[in-house]
Amino acid sequence: YQKSKNALSSQAIVATNMSNLALKEYLKSQDLELKHCAIGDKFVSECMRLNKANFGGEQSGHIIFSDYA
């Protein structure tokens, strides 16, 4: 949805190492790249900053939109 609205700051989406292959394959089919990080919202946030991504999340349900955080 964010991509269709041109709301992504890069082609990278950040998720923890717990994310599965299905997520990676889906993002690839949408011309997006999955960036992995350690578990924890602070690591997701840091990886987002390093990759200039504005969307990330983790398996626990935490979703980060850095445009609003």
PDB file of N, CA and C in Angstrom:
ATOM      1  N   TYR A   1       0.821  -1.193   0.000  1.00  0.00           N
ATOM      2  CA  TYR A   1       0.000   0.000   0.000  1.00  0.00           C
ATOM      3  C   TYR A   1       0.867   1.261   0.000  1.00  0.00           C
ATOM      4  N   GLN A   2       1.888   1.278   0.857  1.00  0.00           N
ATOM      5  CA  GLN A   2       2.766   2.453   0.928  1.00  0.00           C
ATOM      6  C   GLN A   2       3.445   2.702  -0.415  1.00  0.00           C
ATOM      7  N   LYS A   3       3.859   1.640  -1.080  1.00  0.00           N
ATOM      8  CA  LYS A   3       4.513   1.809  -2.382  1.00  0.00           C
ATOM      9  C   LYS A   3       3.538   2.384  -3.404  1.00  0.00           C
ATOM     10  N   SER A   4       2.309   1.892  -3.412  1.00  0.00           N
ATOM     11  CA  SER A   4       1.326   2.377  -4.384  1.00  0.00           C
ATOM     12  C   SER A   4       0.993   3.850  -4.178  1.00  0.00           C
ATOM     13  N   LYS A   5       1.200   4.348  -2.987  1.00  0.00           N
ATOM     14  CA  LYS A   5       0.955   5.757  -2.676  1.00  0.00           C
ATOM     15  C   LYS A   5       2.229   6.594  -2.751  1.00  0.00           C
ATOM     16  N   ASN A   6       3.325   5.986  -3.246  1.00  0.00           N
ATOM     17  CA  ASN A   6       4.634   6.653  -3.319  1.00  0.00           C
ATOM     18  C   ASN A   6       5.059   7.212  -1.968  1.00  0.00           C
ATOM     19  N   ALA A   7       4.771   6.454  -0.915  1.00  0.00           N
ATOM     20  CA  ALA A   7       5.066   6.908   0.443  1.00  0.00           C
ATOM     21  C   ALA A   7       6.353   6.315   1.006  1.00  0.00           C
ATOM     22  N   LEU A   8       7.038   5.474   0.233  1.00  0.00           N
ATOM     23  CA  LEU A   8       8.290   4.881   0.712  1.00  0.00           C
ATOM     24  C   LEU A   8       9.464   5.773   0.335  1.00  0.00           C
ATOM     25  N   SER A   9      10.356   5.975   1.281  1.00  0.00           N
ATOM     26  CA  SER A   9      11.519   6.832   1.022  1.00  0.00           C
ATOM     27  C   SER A   9      12.628   6.090   0.285  1.00  0.00           C
ATOM     28  N   SER A  10      12.552   4.761   0.269  1.00  0.00           N
ATOM     29  CA  SER A  10      13.527   3.943  -0.460  1.00  0.00           C
ATOM     30  C   SER A  10      12.834   2.657  -0.874  1.00  0.00           C
ATOM     31  N   GLN A  11      13.551   1.792  -1.550  1.00  0.00           N
ATOM     32  CA  GLN A  11      12.997   0.497  -1.946  1.00  0.00           C
ATOM     33  C   GLN A  11      13.243  -0.558  -0.874  1.00  0.00           C
ATOM     34  N   ALA A  12      13.679  -0.140   0.308  1.00  0.00           N
ATOM     35  CA  ALA A  12      13.992  -1.070   1.395  1.00  0.00           C
ATOM     36  C   ALA A  12      12.873  -1.093   2.432  1.00  0.00           C
ATOM     37  N   ILE A  13      12.561  -2.297   2.890  1.00  0.00           N
ATOM     38  CA  ILE A  13      11.651  -2.527   4.006  1.00  0.00           C
ATOM     39  C   ILE A  13      12.469  -3.273   5.051  1.00  0.00           C
ATOM     40  N   VAL A  14      12.348  -2.887   6.310  1.00  0.00           N
ATOM     41  CA  VAL A  14      13.160  -3.482   7.371  1.00  0.00           C
ATOM     42  C   VAL A  14      12.307  -4.411   8.226  1.00  0.00           C
ATOM     43  N   ALA A  15      12.843  -5.597   8.500  1.00  0.00           N
ATOM     44  CA  ALA A  15      12.195  -6.564   9.393  1.00  0.00           C
ATOM     45  C   ALA A  15      13.288  -7.325  10.137  1.00  0.00           C
ATOM     46  N   THR A  16      12.897  -7.976  11.206  1.00  0.00           N
ATOM     47  CA  THR A  16      13.880  -8.707  12.008  1.00  0.00           C
ATOM     48  C   THR A  16      14.268 -10.020  11.339  1.00  0.00           C
ATOM     49  N   ASN A  17      15.279 -10.638  11.899  1.00  0.00           N
ATOM     50  CA  ASN A  17      15.750 -11.931  11.407  1.00  0.00           C
ATOM     51  C   ASN A  17      14.696 -13.022  11.545  1.00  0.00           C
ATOM     52  N   MET A  18      13.638 -12.767  12.296  1.00  0.00           N
ATOM     53  CA  MET A  18      12.562 -13.741  12.472  1.00  0.00           C
ATOM     54  C   MET A  18      11.582 -13.740  11.304  1.00  0.00           C
ATOM     55  N   SER A  19      11.696 -12.790  10.399  1.00  0.00           N
ATOM     56  CA  SER A  19      10.784 -12.756   9.254  1.00  0.00           C
ATOM     57  C   SER A  19      11.058 -13.960   8.359  1.00  0.00           C
ATOM     58  N   ASN A  20      10.034 -14.381   7.629  1.00  0.00           N
ATOM     59  CA  ASN A  20      10.186 -15.610   6.851  1.00  0.00           C
ATOM     60  C   ASN A  20      10.457 -15.340   5.370  1.00  0.00           C
ATOM     61  N   LEU A  21      10.738 -16.404   4.662  1.00  0.00           N
ATOM     62  CA  LEU A  21      11.076 -16.325   3.243  1.00  0.00           C
ATOM     63  C   LEU A  21       9.906 -15.790   2.415  1.00  0.00           C
ATOM     64  N   ALA A  22       8.683 -16.081   2.837  1.00  0.00           N
ATOM     65  CA  ALA A  22       7.514 -15.600   2.096  1.00  0.00           C
ATOM     66  C   ALA A  22       7.492 -14.075   2.036  1.00  0.00           C
ATOM     67  N   LEU A  23       7.852 -13.424   3.129  1.00  0.00           N
ATOM     68  CA  LEU A  23       7.901 -11.958   3.137  1.00  0.00           C
ATOM     69  C   LEU A  23       8.948 -11.467   2.149  1.00  0.00           C
ATOM     70  N   LYS A  24      10.116 -12.067   2.188  1.00  0.00           N
ATOM     71  CA  LYS A  24      11.194 -11.673   1.273  1.00  0.00           C
ATOM     72  C   LYS A  24      10.764 -11.845  -0.185  1.00  0.00           C
ATOM     73  N   GLU A  25      10.153 -12.983  -0.485  1.00  0.00           N
ATOM     74  CA  GLU A  25       9.728 -13.250  -1.863  1.00  0.00           C
ATOM     75  C   GLU A  25       8.616 -12.296  -2.300  1.00  0.00           C
ATOM     76  N   TYR A  26       7.680 -12.007  -1.399  1.00  0.00           N
ATOM     77  CA  TYR A  26       6.612 -11.067  -1.750  1.00  0.00           C
ATOM     78  C   TYR A  26       7.178  -9.679  -2.034  1.00  0.00           C
ATOM     79  N   LEU A  27       8.049  -9.207  -1.147  1.00  0.00           N
ATOM     80  CA  LEU A  27       8.636  -7.881  -1.351  1.00  0.00           C
ATOM     81  C   LEU A  27       9.431  -7.832  -2.651  1.00  0.00           C
ATOM     82  N   LYS A  28      10.141  -8.912  -2.939  1.00  0.00           N
ATOM     83  CA  LYS A  28      10.899  -8.983  -4.192  1.00  0.00           C
ATOM     84  C   LYS A  28       9.952  -8.871  -5.395  1.00  0.00           C
ATOM     85  N   SER A  29       8.791  -9.520  -5.307  1.00  0.00           N
ATOM     86  CA  SER A  29       7.823  -9.452  -6.411  1.00  0.00           C
ATOM     87  C   SER A  29       7.264  -8.040  -6.594  1.00  0.00           C
ATOM     88  N   GLN A  30       7.388  -7.217  -5.556  1.00  0.00           N
ATOM     89  CA  GLN A  30       6.932  -5.831  -5.609  1.00  0.00           C
ATOM     90  C   GLN A  30       8.087  -4.858  -5.864  1.00  0.00           C
ATOM     91  N   ASP A  31       9.242  -5.414  -6.250  1.00  0.00           N
ATOM     92  CA  ASP A  31      10.459  -4.624  -6.493  1.00  0.00           C
ATOM     93  C   ASP A  31      10.921  -3.880  -5.250  1.00  0.00           C
ATOM     94  N   LEU A  32      10.772  -4.531  -4.095  1.00  0.00           N
ATOM     95  CA  LEU A  32      11.243  -3.991  -2.824  1.00  0.00           C
ATOM     96  C   LEU A  32      12.277  -4.940  -2.243  1.00  0.00           C
ATOM     97  N   GLU A  33      13.163  -4.416  -1.429  1.00  0.00           N
ATOM     98  CA  GLU A  33      14.234  -5.213  -0.836  1.00  0.00           C
ATOM     99  C   GLU A  33      14.025  -5.318   0.671  1.00  0.00           C
ATOM    100  N   LEU A  34      14.129  -6.535   1.190  1.00  0.00           N
ATOM    101  CA  LEU A  34      14.010  -6.763   2.629  1.00  0.00           C
ATOM    102  C   LEU A  34      15.380  -6.634   3.271  1.00  0.00           C
ATOM    103  N   LYS A  35      15.473  -5.767   4.255  1.00  0.00           N
ATOM    104  CA  LYS A  35      16.691  -5.607   5.046  1.00  0.00           C
ATOM    105  C   LYS A  35      16.440  -6.237   6.406  1.00  0.00           C
ATOM    106  N   HIS A  36      17.326  -7.143   6.815  1.00  0.00           N
ATOM    107  CA  HIS A  36      17.179  -7.833   8.097  1.00  0.00           C
ATOM    108  C   HIS A  36      17.948  -7.124   9.200  1.00  0.00           C
ATOM    109  N   CYS A  37      17.441  -7.251  10.414  1.00  0.00           N
ATOM    110  CA  CYS A  37      18.117  -6.695  11.584  1.00  0.00           C
ATOM    111  C   CYS A  37      17.845  -7.596  12.784  1.00  0.00           C
ATOM    112  N   ALA A  38      18.502  -7.294  13.881  1.00  0.00           N
ATOM    113  CA  ALA A  38      18.284  -8.029  15.123  1.00  0.00           C
ATOM    114  C   ALA A  38      16.874  -7.755  15.644  1.00  0.00           C
ATOM    115  N   ILE A  39      16.421  -8.608  16.541  1.00  0.00           N
ATOM    116  CA  ILE A  39      15.091  -8.468  17.129  1.00  0.00           C
ATOM    117  C   ILE A  39      15.067  -7.289  18.099  1.00  0.00           C
ATOM    118  N   GLY A  40      14.020  -6.497  18.009  1.00  0.00           N
ATOM    119  CA  GLY A  40      13.836  -5.345  18.887  1.00  0.00           C
ATOM    120  C   GLY A  40      13.566  -4.100  18.077  1.00  0.00           C
ATOM    121  N   ASP A  41      12.584  -3.318  18.539  1.00  0.00           N
ATOM    122  CA  ASP A  41      12.223  -2.134  17.759  1.00  0.00           C
ATOM    123  C   ASP A  41      13.359  -1.131  17.650  1.00  0.00           C
ATOM    124  N   LYS A  42      14.267  -1.109  18.619  1.00  0.00           N
ATOM    125  CA  LYS A  42      15.398  -0.174  18.505  1.00  0.00           C
ATOM    126  C   LYS A  42      16.327  -0.587  17.368  1.00  0.00           C
ATOM    127  N   PHE A  43      16.452  -1.899  17.125  1.00  0.00           N
ATOM    128  CA  PHE A  43      17.288  -2.373  16.021  1.00  0.00           C
ATOM    129  C   PHE A  43      16.599  -2.137  14.675  1.00  0.00           C
ATOM    130  N   VAL A  44      15.287  -2.321  14.652  1.00  0.00           N
ATOM    131  CA  VAL A  44      14.529  -2.034  13.432  1.00  0.00           C
ATOM    132  C   VAL A  44      14.683  -0.557  13.076  1.00  0.00           C
ATOM    133  N   SER A  45      14.502   0.295  14.065  1.00  0.00           N
ATOM    134  CA  SER A  45      14.619   1.737  13.851  1.00  0.00           C
ATOM    135  C   SER A  45      16.013   2.125  13.364  1.00  0.00           C
ATOM    136  N   GLU A  46      17.036   1.547  13.971  1.00  0.00           N
ATOM    137  CA  GLU A  46      18.418   1.845  13.568  1.00  0.00           C
ATOM    138  C   GLU A  46      18.680   1.396  12.135  1.00  0.00           C
ATOM    139  N   CYS A  47      18.223   0.199  11.790  1.00  0.00           N
ATOM    140  CA  CYS A  47      18.420  -0.325  10.436  1.00  0.00           C
ATOM    141  C   CYS A  47      17.655   0.521   9.414  1.00  0.00           C
ATOM    142  N   MET A  48      16.480   0.984   9.799  1.00  0.00           N
ATOM    143  CA  MET A  48      15.720   1.871   8.915  1.00  0.00           C
ATOM    144  C   MET A  48      16.514   3.137   8.631  1.00  0.00           C
ATOM    145  N   ARG A  49      17.085   3.701   9.673  1.00  0.00           N
ATOM    146  CA  ARG A  49      17.873   4.934   9.507  1.00  0.00           C
ATOM    147  C   ARG A  49      19.067   4.682   8.594  1.00  0.00           C
ATOM    148  N   LEU A  50      19.777   3.584   8.817  1.00  0.00           N
ATOM    149  CA  LEU A  50      20.970   3.273   8.025  1.00  0.00           C
ATOM    150  C   LEU A  50      20.642   3.019   6.552  1.00  0.00           C
ATOM    151  N   ASN A  51      19.453   2.482   6.293  1.00  0.00           N
ATOM    152  CA  ASN A  51      19.052   2.157   4.924  1.00  0.00           C
ATOM    153  C   ASN A  51      18.114   3.193   4.313  1.00  0.00           C
ATOM    154  N   LYS A  52      17.930   4.309   5.030  1.00  0.00           N
ATOM    155  CA  LYS A  52      17.052   5.381   4.556  1.00  0.00           C
ATOM    156  C   LYS A  52      15.640   4.869   4.250  1.00  0.00           C
ATOM    157  N   ALA A  53      15.205   3.901   5.046  1.00  0.00           N
ATOM    158  CA  ALA A  53      13.862   3.331   4.903  1.00  0.00           C
ATOM    159  C   ALA A  53      12.924   4.022   5.889  1.00  0.00           C
ATOM    160  N   ASN A  54      11.679   4.177   5.506  1.00  0.00           N
ATOM    161  CA  ASN A  54      10.726   4.785   6.428  1.00  0.00           C
ATOM    162  C   ASN A  54       9.629   3.821   6.866  1.00  0.00           C
ATOM    163  N   PHE A  55       9.807   2.523   6.569  1.00  0.00           N
ATOM    164  CA  PHE A  55       8.833   1.518   6.980  1.00  0.00           C
ATOM    165  C   PHE A  55       9.555   0.265   7.449  1.00  0.00           C
ATOM    166  N   GLY A  56       9.174  -0.212   8.620  1.00  0.00           N
ATOM    167  CA  GLY A  56       9.765  -1.427   9.156  1.00  0.00           C
ATOM    168  C   GLY A  56       8.875  -2.027  10.223  1.00  0.00           C
ATOM    169  N   GLY A  57       9.203  -3.234  10.631  1.00  0.00           N
ATOM    170  CA  GLY A  57       8.397  -3.873  11.663  1.00  0.00           C
ATOM    171  C   GLY A  57       9.052  -5.139  12.165  1.00  0.00           C
ATOM    172  N   GLU A  58       8.402  -5.716  13.170  1.00  0.00           N
ATOM    173  CA  GLU A  58       8.893  -6.969  13.723  1.00  0.00           C
ATOM    174  C   GLU A  58       7.728  -7.892  14.020  1.00  0.00           C
ATOM    175  N   GLN A  59       8.039  -9.160  14.236  1.00  0.00           N
ATOM    176  CA  GLN A  59       7.044 -10.203  14.371  1.00  0.00           C
ATOM    177  C   GLN A  59       6.080  -9.958  15.531  1.00  0.00           C
ATOM    178  N   SER A  60       6.501  -9.251  16.542  1.00  0.00           N
ATOM    179  CA  SER A  60       5.638  -8.989  17.697  1.00  0.00           C
ATOM    180  C   SER A  60       4.472  -8.071  17.357  1.00  0.00           C
ATOM    181  N   GLY A  61       4.516  -7.474  16.182  1.00  0.00           N
ATOM    182  CA  GLY A  61       3.442  -6.583  15.764  1.00  0.00           C
ATOM    183  C   GLY A  61       3.825  -5.118  15.762  1.00  0.00           C
ATOM    184  N   HIS A  62       5.020  -4.809  16.237  1.00  0.00           N
ATOM    185  CA  HIS A  62       5.473  -3.420  16.187  1.00  0.00           C
ATOM    186  C   HIS A  62       5.711  -3.024  14.736  1.00  0.00           C
ATOM    187  N   ILE A  63       5.090  -1.951  14.328  1.00  0.00           N
ATOM    188  CA  ILE A  63       5.271  -1.407  12.984  1.00  0.00           C
ATOM    189  C   ILE A  63       5.777   0.016  13.158  1.00  0.00           C
ATOM    190  N   ILE A  64       6.806   0.369  12.409  1.00  0.00           N
ATOM    191  CA  ILE A  64       7.388   1.704  12.533  1.00  0.00           C
ATOM    192  C   ILE A  64       7.272   2.432  11.199  1.00  0.00           C
ATOM    193  N   PHE A  65       6.602   3.572  11.232  1.00  0.00           N
ATOM    194  CA  PHE A  65       6.568   4.515  10.118  1.00  0.00           C
ATOM    195  C   PHE A  65       7.412   5.688  10.577  1.00  0.00           C
ATOM    196  N   SER A  66       8.634   5.766  10.122  1.00  0.00           N
ATOM    197  CA  SER A  66       9.530   6.801  10.653  1.00  0.00           C
ATOM    198  C   SER A  66       9.085   8.213  10.284  1.00  0.00           C
ATOM    199  N   ASP A  67       8.209   8.347   9.309  1.00  0.00           N
ATOM    200  CA  ASP A  67       7.676   9.675   8.996  1.00  0.00           C
ATOM    201  C   ASP A  67       6.860  10.227  10.165  1.00  0.00           C
ATOM    202  N   TYR A  68       6.377   9.324  11.009  1.00  0.00           N
ATOM    203  CA  TYR A  68       5.504   9.717  12.120  1.00  0.00           C
ATOM    204  C   TYR A  68       6.111   9.456  13.485  1.00  0.00           C
ATOM    205  N   ALA A  69       7.298   8.871  13.535  1.00  0.00           N
ATOM    206  CA  ALA A  69       7.910   8.531  14.831  1.00  0.00           C
ATOM    207  C   ALA A  69       9.084   9.441  15.128  1.00  0.00           C
TER     208      ALA A  69
END
